Protein backbone atom coordinates (compact mmCIF):
# COMPACT_ATOMS: atom_id res chain seq x y z
CA MET A 1 -53.92 34.62 -15.80
CA GLU A 2 -52.58 38.16 -15.91
CA THR A 3 -49.71 37.23 -13.60
CA LEU A 4 -48.61 34.47 -15.97
CA ILE A 5 -48.75 36.86 -18.94
CA ILE A 6 -46.65 39.43 -17.05
CA ILE A 7 -44.03 36.74 -16.28
CA VAL A 8 -43.96 35.74 -19.97
CA ILE A 9 -43.54 39.41 -20.91
CA GLY A 10 -40.56 39.67 -18.52
CA VAL A 11 -38.92 36.58 -20.03
CA LEU A 12 -39.45 37.91 -23.56
CA ILE A 13 -38.00 41.31 -22.69
CA THR A 14 -34.99 39.66 -21.03
CA SER A 15 -34.28 37.44 -24.03
CA ALA A 16 -34.83 40.36 -26.43
CA THR A 17 -32.34 42.49 -24.50
CA TYR A 18 -29.79 39.66 -24.66
CA LEU A 19 -30.29 39.34 -28.41
CA LEU A 20 -30.11 43.11 -28.99
CA LEU A 21 -26.74 43.27 -27.23
CA SER A 22 -25.26 40.66 -29.58
CA ASP A 23 -22.64 41.28 -32.24
CA GLN A 24 -24.52 39.55 -35.06
CA ILE A 25 -26.96 41.47 -37.26
CA LEU A 26 -29.47 38.62 -37.43
CA HIS A 27 -29.56 38.33 -33.63
CA ILE A 28 -30.36 42.03 -33.41
CA ILE A 29 -33.18 41.69 -35.95
CA LEU A 30 -34.56 38.68 -34.09
CA GLY A 31 -34.27 40.55 -30.78
CA SER A 32 -36.27 43.48 -32.11
CA GLY A 33 -38.98 41.07 -33.25
CA VAL A 34 -39.12 39.37 -29.84
CA LEU A 35 -39.25 42.76 -28.12
CA THR A 36 -42.14 43.80 -30.34
CA HIS A 37 -44.06 40.65 -29.42
CA ALA A 38 -43.44 41.40 -25.74
CA VAL A 39 -44.92 44.86 -26.25
CA HIS A 40 -47.94 43.29 -27.97
CA LEU A 41 -48.53 41.09 -24.94
CA LEU A 42 -48.03 44.08 -22.64
CA LEU A 43 -50.66 46.09 -24.51
CA MET A 44 -53.06 43.18 -24.33
CA ALA A 45 -52.46 42.74 -20.60
CA MET A 46 -52.94 46.46 -20.00
CA GLY A 47 -56.22 46.33 -21.89
CA GLY A 48 -57.44 43.68 -19.48
CA PHE A 49 -58.91 40.28 -20.06
CA LYS A 50 -62.23 41.02 -18.41
CA GLY A 51 -65.30 41.76 -20.45
CA ALA A 52 -68.44 39.85 -21.20
CA SER A 53 -69.27 40.84 -24.77
CA GLU A 54 -68.40 42.98 -27.75
CA PRO A 55 -69.25 46.70 -27.74
CA ILE A 56 -72.27 46.45 -30.07
CA ILE A 57 -75.34 48.67 -29.71
CA GLY A 58 -78.36 46.70 -28.61
CA HIS A 59 -76.66 44.33 -26.20
CA GLU A 60 -77.64 44.77 -22.59
CA GLN A 61 -74.19 44.13 -21.10
CA THR A 62 -72.57 46.45 -18.59
CA THR A 63 -68.95 45.40 -19.17
CA TYR A 64 -67.43 45.37 -22.63
CA VAL A 65 -64.18 44.21 -24.14
CA ASP A 66 -61.94 47.15 -25.00
CA ALA A 67 -61.16 47.09 -28.74
CA LEU A 68 -58.44 49.77 -28.68
CA PRO A 69 -55.53 47.49 -27.60
CA GLN A 70 -56.45 45.02 -30.32
CA ALA A 71 -56.44 47.77 -32.96
CA LEU A 72 -53.06 49.07 -31.72
CA ILE A 73 -51.59 45.58 -31.77
CA LEU A 74 -52.85 44.90 -35.29
CA THR A 75 -51.30 48.15 -36.52
CA SER A 76 -48.06 47.34 -34.72
CA ILE A 77 -47.91 43.87 -36.28
CA VAL A 78 -48.13 45.34 -39.78
CA ILE A 79 -45.48 47.96 -39.05
CA ASN A 80 -43.22 45.36 -37.41
CA PHE A 81 -43.52 43.08 -40.45
CA ALA A 82 -42.49 45.89 -42.80
CA ILE A 83 -39.56 46.97 -40.65
CA THR A 84 -38.34 43.39 -40.18
CA ALA A 85 -38.53 42.74 -43.93
CA PHE A 86 -36.54 45.93 -44.57
CA PHE A 87 -33.90 45.00 -41.98
CA LEU A 88 -33.56 41.48 -43.42
CA VAL A 89 -33.02 42.86 -46.92
CA LEU A 90 -30.51 45.35 -45.52
CA ALA A 91 -28.67 42.57 -43.66
CA TYR A 92 -28.57 40.46 -46.82
CA HIS A 93 -27.12 43.38 -48.77
CA ILE A 94 -24.50 43.98 -46.07
CA TYR A 95 -23.57 40.29 -46.11
CA GLN A 96 -23.19 40.30 -49.90
CA SER A 97 -21.00 43.39 -49.90
CA SER A 98 -18.77 42.55 -46.92
CA ASN A 99 -19.09 38.73 -46.47
CA THR A 100 -19.71 39.13 -42.73
CA THR A 101 -22.58 39.82 -40.35
CA ASP A 102 -20.37 40.58 -37.34
CA LEU A 103 -20.73 44.18 -36.25
CA ARG A 104 -17.16 44.35 -34.93
CA ASN A 105 -15.78 43.56 -38.37
CA LEU A 106 -18.15 46.02 -40.00
CA ARG A 107 -16.97 48.79 -37.69
CA GLY A 108 -13.38 48.14 -38.60
CA TYR A 109 -12.61 46.78 -35.13
CA ARG A 110 -9.47 44.64 -35.12
CA HIS A 111 -8.86 42.46 -32.10
CA GLU A 112 -5.18 42.45 -31.17
């Protein structure tokens, strides 16, 4: 199971890198979101999938599920949502002011 998750993480990181290297603002925002989801899966895979029960006092289990990766991922999801919302509003404002989302045109690049 962990091998499959690692392969999925590799595919997500590859597609996120492709999107981040694009010239369109929306592709870059989407690429950062995909990269964040890949990091979420990586944290979950590093935390391990083994564990018989929750870490509650009174249970007689010897192996427990680690709750730290889940807490980190939950915090990261909230931060990612706020950053993505900010970037989308910023991209909308840029589109309204310049009528383009192409980074080459925003830089003043003129293809000859």
